Amino acid sequence: MSDTESRTPHGFSRRTALQAAVWSVPVIAAVVSTPLAAASPFVDFQISARSASEALTAVSPDGLRGYNLALPTVFDLYSPAGNMFGVVRVSFDNRLLGGATMEIAEVFPALLYAVTTGNVTVMTFDGEGMYLNQVMTLVFGTLNRGLWFTDVMPFTVEVMEGWALTDPDRSNNFVVSVAEYIDMPPAGTP
């Protein structure tokens, strides 16, 4: 009997013991990773804007340029898994907007934090109230109309998965509105 084929006192070879040990590693890895996978379900959060209910417009001091920023304030939220935790992030130009509050199905989600960098404020709300097919409404305490800026920042609303969730398709998680700049005809031009 070769050295690798020698029998142990219990009647199986060293080769059999080595093969059993090698094959058990993937099984142990699969068993250990299963609870992690089960705790990380795939949830496809989705958001879509209803028609824009607000618009911020302004004309340049010389009257030759103008912009229009459409502001949707009513959104449809969808989460096929039902009551899954997530957050809603709202980003806006703080020279034009301020003091956002949110309502989801008669629940007012808590503001988790707000961060301002330059002209952009990002507010993150607790989205725990995101149930299947809910309506979300945003209300801004400040709407500065008629202020001219050449660099109005985009208005963005985004839903995001919470801890232990994975969203397989993030392309349907946000709504973005960008200021549309237009040339204005000079005064007196038909």
Protein backbone atom coordinates (compact mmCIF):
# COMPACT_ATOMS: atom_id res chain seq x y z
CA MET A 1 0.00 0.00 0.00
CA SER A 2 1.47 3.40 -0.97
CA ASP A 3 2.07 6.14 1.58
CA THR A 4 -0.98 8.13 0.37
CA GLU A 5 -3.14 4.99 0.39
CA SER A 6 -2.21 3.84 3.88
CA ARG A 7 -5.16 3.07 6.11
CA THR A 8 -5.87 4.83 9.34
CA PRO A 9 -6.79 2.78 12.40
CA HIS A 10 -10.48 3.49 11.63
CA GLY A 11 -10.41 1.94 8.17
CA PHE A 12 -10.30 4.85 5.66
CA SER A 13 -7.35 6.14 3.70
CA ARG A 14 -5.59 9.46 4.06
CA ARG A 15 -6.63 10.24 0.47
CA THR A 16 -10.31 9.77 1.40
CA ALA A 17 -9.88 12.06 4.41
CA LEU A 18 -8.12 14.68 2.27
CA GLN A 19 -10.83 14.52 -0.44
CA ALA A 20 -13.56 14.86 2.16
CA ALA A 21 -11.86 17.91 3.65
CA VAL A 22 -11.37 19.56 0.24
CA TRP A 23 -15.01 18.97 -0.80
CA SER A 24 -16.37 20.24 2.52
CA VAL A 25 -14.88 23.74 2.07
CA PRO A 26 -17.36 24.81 -0.69
CA VAL A 27 -20.25 23.31 1.29
CA ILE A 28 -19.27 25.25 4.41
CA ALA A 29 -18.86 28.43 2.34
CA ALA A 30 -22.32 27.95 0.80
CA VAL A 31 -23.94 27.37 4.18
CA VAL A 32 -22.23 30.42 5.70
CA SER A 33 -23.18 32.71 2.78
CA THR A 34 -26.83 31.62 2.60
CA PRO A 35 -28.04 33.74 5.56
CA LEU A 36 -26.30 36.80 4.10
CA ALA A 37 -28.03 36.29 0.76
CA ALA A 38 -31.37 35.75 2.47
CA ALA A 39 -30.92 38.99 4.42
CA SER A 40 -30.13 40.92 1.22
CA PRO A 41 -33.23 40.64 -0.97
CA PHE A 42 -33.41 42.34 -4.31
CA VAL A 43 -35.97 45.15 -4.17
CA ASP A 44 -36.67 47.32 -7.21
CA PHE A 45 -37.65 50.72 -5.81
CA GLN A 46 -39.15 52.97 -8.47
CA ILE A 47 -40.23 56.60 -8.64
CA SER A 48 -42.02 58.54 -11.35
CA ALA A 49 -43.10 62.17 -11.41
CA ARG A 50 -46.58 63.31 -12.12
CA SER A 51 -46.88 66.51 -14.16
CA ALA A 52 -44.85 69.43 -12.85
CA SER A 53 -47.00 71.49 -10.52
CA GLU A 54 -44.52 74.33 -10.04
CA ALA A 55 -42.17 76.19 -12.36
CA LEU A 56 -39.42 78.61 -11.53
CA THR A 57 -38.67 81.08 -14.31
CA ALA A 58 -36.44 84.11 -14.68
CA VAL A 59 -35.17 86.47 -17.34
CA SER A 60 -31.66 87.87 -17.48
CA PRO A 61 -31.20 91.57 -16.59
CA ASP A 62 -30.59 92.43 -20.26
CA GLY A 63 -33.76 90.55 -21.26
CA LEU A 64 -31.94 88.34 -23.78
CA ARG A 65 -31.94 85.01 -21.91
CA GLY A 66 -34.36 83.18 -19.71
CA TYR A 67 -34.75 79.85 -17.95
CA ASN A 68 -37.56 77.56 -16.86
CA LEU A 69 -37.08 74.96 -14.14
CA ALA A 70 -40.05 72.58 -13.96
CA LEU A 71 -40.60 71.29 -10.43
CA PRO A 72 -42.60 68.11 -10.08
CA THR A 73 -43.90 67.95 -6.51
CA VAL A 74 -46.09 64.84 -6.68
CA PHE A 75 -44.50 61.44 -7.29
CA ASP A 76 -45.59 57.81 -7.50
CA LEU A 77 -43.46 55.40 -5.45
CA TYR A 78 -43.39 51.70 -6.11
CA SER A 79 -41.82 48.93 -4.09
CA PRO A 80 -42.98 45.43 -5.07
CA ALA A 81 -41.86 43.97 -1.75
CA GLY A 82 -44.18 46.19 0.27
CA ASN A 83 -42.93 47.83 3.44
CA MET A 84 -39.20 47.92 2.76
CA PHE A 85 -36.94 50.43 4.41
CA GLY A 86 -35.27 52.98 2.21
CA VAL A 87 -34.48 56.66 2.01
CA VAL A 88 -35.64 59.48 -0.24
CA ARG A 89 -32.99 62.01 -1.22
CA VAL A 90 -33.93 65.46 -2.56
CA SER A 91 -31.27 67.67 -4.14
CA PHE A 92 -31.92 71.28 -5.18
CA ASP A 93 -30.44 74.72 -5.84
CA ASN A 94 -30.68 76.44 -2.46
CA ARG A 95 -30.74 79.89 -4.07
CA LEU A 96 -34.19 78.99 -5.48
CA LEU A 97 -35.66 76.44 -3.06
CA GLY A 98 -35.56 75.74 0.65
CA GLY A 99 -37.30 74.12 3.58
CA ALA A 100 -38.53 70.90 1.95
CA THR A 101 -41.01 68.66 3.72
CA MET A 102 -42.39 65.38 2.46
CA GLU A 103 -45.57 63.36 2.83
CA ILE A 104 -45.99 59.71 1.85
CA ALA A 105 -49.51 58.32 2.27
CA GLU A 106 -50.36 60.69 5.11
CA VAL A 107 -47.06 59.98 6.87
CA PHE A 108 -44.42 62.71 7.22
CA PRO A 109 -41.01 61.01 6.95
CA ALA A 110 -38.35 62.32 9.28
CA LEU A 111 -35.49 64.35 7.89
CA LEU A 112 -32.40 62.23 8.60
CA TYR A 113 -29.90 64.90 7.57
CA ALA A 114 -29.31 67.82 5.24
CA VAL A 115 -25.99 68.75 3.66
CA THR A 116 -25.27 72.00 1.83
CA THR A 117 -22.29 72.35 -0.48
CA GLY A 118 -22.11 75.63 -2.37
CA ASN A 119 -25.45 76.22 -4.10
CA VAL A 120 -26.72 72.65 -3.64
CA THR A 121 -28.62 71.28 -0.65
CA VAL A 122 -29.23 67.55 -0.32
CA MET A 123 -31.94 66.47 2.13
CA THR A 124 -32.27 62.79 3.04
CA PHE A 125 -35.58 61.57 4.44
CA ASP A 126 -36.43 58.31 6.16
CA GLY A 127 -38.48 56.36 3.61
CA GLU A 128 -39.80 53.73 6.00
CA GLY A 129 -43.35 54.60 4.96
CA MET A 130 -42.71 53.47 1.37
CA TYR A 131 -45.38 50.91 0.69
CA LEU A 132 -46.64 49.44 -2.52
CA ASN A 133 -48.03 52.10 -4.92
CA GLN A 134 -47.90 55.18 -2.69
CA VAL A 135 -48.02 58.86 -3.57
CA MET A 136 -45.32 61.19 -2.29
CA THR A 137 -45.74 64.96 -2.12
CA LEU A 138 -42.94 67.51 -1.66
CA VAL A 139 -43.61 70.97 -0.29
CA PHE A 140 -40.99 73.72 -0.28
CA GLY A 141 -41.19 76.49 2.30
CA THR A 142 -39.21 78.75 -0.01
CA LEU A 143 -39.77 79.21 -3.75
CA ASN A 144 -37.70 82.12 -5.07
CA ARG A 145 -39.24 83.07 -8.39
CA GLY A 146 -37.72 85.47 -10.87
CA LEU A 147 -34.10 85.27 -9.64
CA TRP A 148 -31.66 85.15 -12.54
CA PHE A 149 -28.71 82.73 -12.39
CA THR A 150 -26.63 81.41 -15.27
CA ASP A 151 -25.93 78.14 -13.45
CA VAL A 152 -29.15 76.82 -11.89
CA MET A 153 -28.46 73.40 -10.36
CA PRO A 154 -30.67 70.40 -11.25
CA PHE A 155 -33.59 69.37 -9.05
CA THR A 156 -33.36 65.65 -8.22
CA VAL A 157 -35.53 63.25 -6.22
CA GLU A 158 -34.17 59.75 -5.65
CA VAL A 159 -35.39 56.67 -3.78
CA MET A 160 -32.71 54.38 -2.41
CA GLU A 161 -32.67 50.96 -0.84
CA GLY A 162 -31.91 50.70 2.84
CA TRP A 163 -29.50 48.51 4.74
CA ALA A 164 -29.41 44.85 3.67
CA LEU A 165 -31.35 45.52 0.46
CA THR A 166 -30.06 45.56 -3.08
CA ASP A 167 -31.81 47.36 -5.94
CA PRO A 168 -31.03 45.50 -9.19
CA ASP A 169 -32.14 48.41 -11.43
CA ARG A 170 -31.18 51.88 -10.21
CA SER A 171 -32.13 53.52 -13.54
CA ASN A 172 -35.73 53.97 -12.33
CA ASN A 173 -34.83 55.35 -8.89
CA PHE A 174 -34.67 59.05 -9.66
CA VAL A 175 -36.38 61.98 -11.31
CA VAL A 176 -34.25 64.88 -12.55
CA SER A 177 -35.38 68.31 -13.71
CA VAL A 178 -32.82 70.58 -15.36
CA ALA A 179 -33.29 74.29 -16.02
CA GLU A 180 -33.99 74.93 -19.69
CA TYR A 181 -32.24 78.09 -20.89
CA ILE A 182 -33.64 79.90 -23.92
CA ASP A 183 -32.73 82.97 -25.95
CA MET A 184 -35.35 85.69 -25.67
CA PRO A 185 -36.20 87.86 -28.67
CA PRO A 186 -35.11 91.47 -28.19
CA ALA A 187 -37.85 93.83 -27.07
CA GLY A 188 -39.89 95.13 -30.01
CA THR A 189 -39.03 92.15 -32.25
CA PRO A 190 -42.10 90.49 -33.83
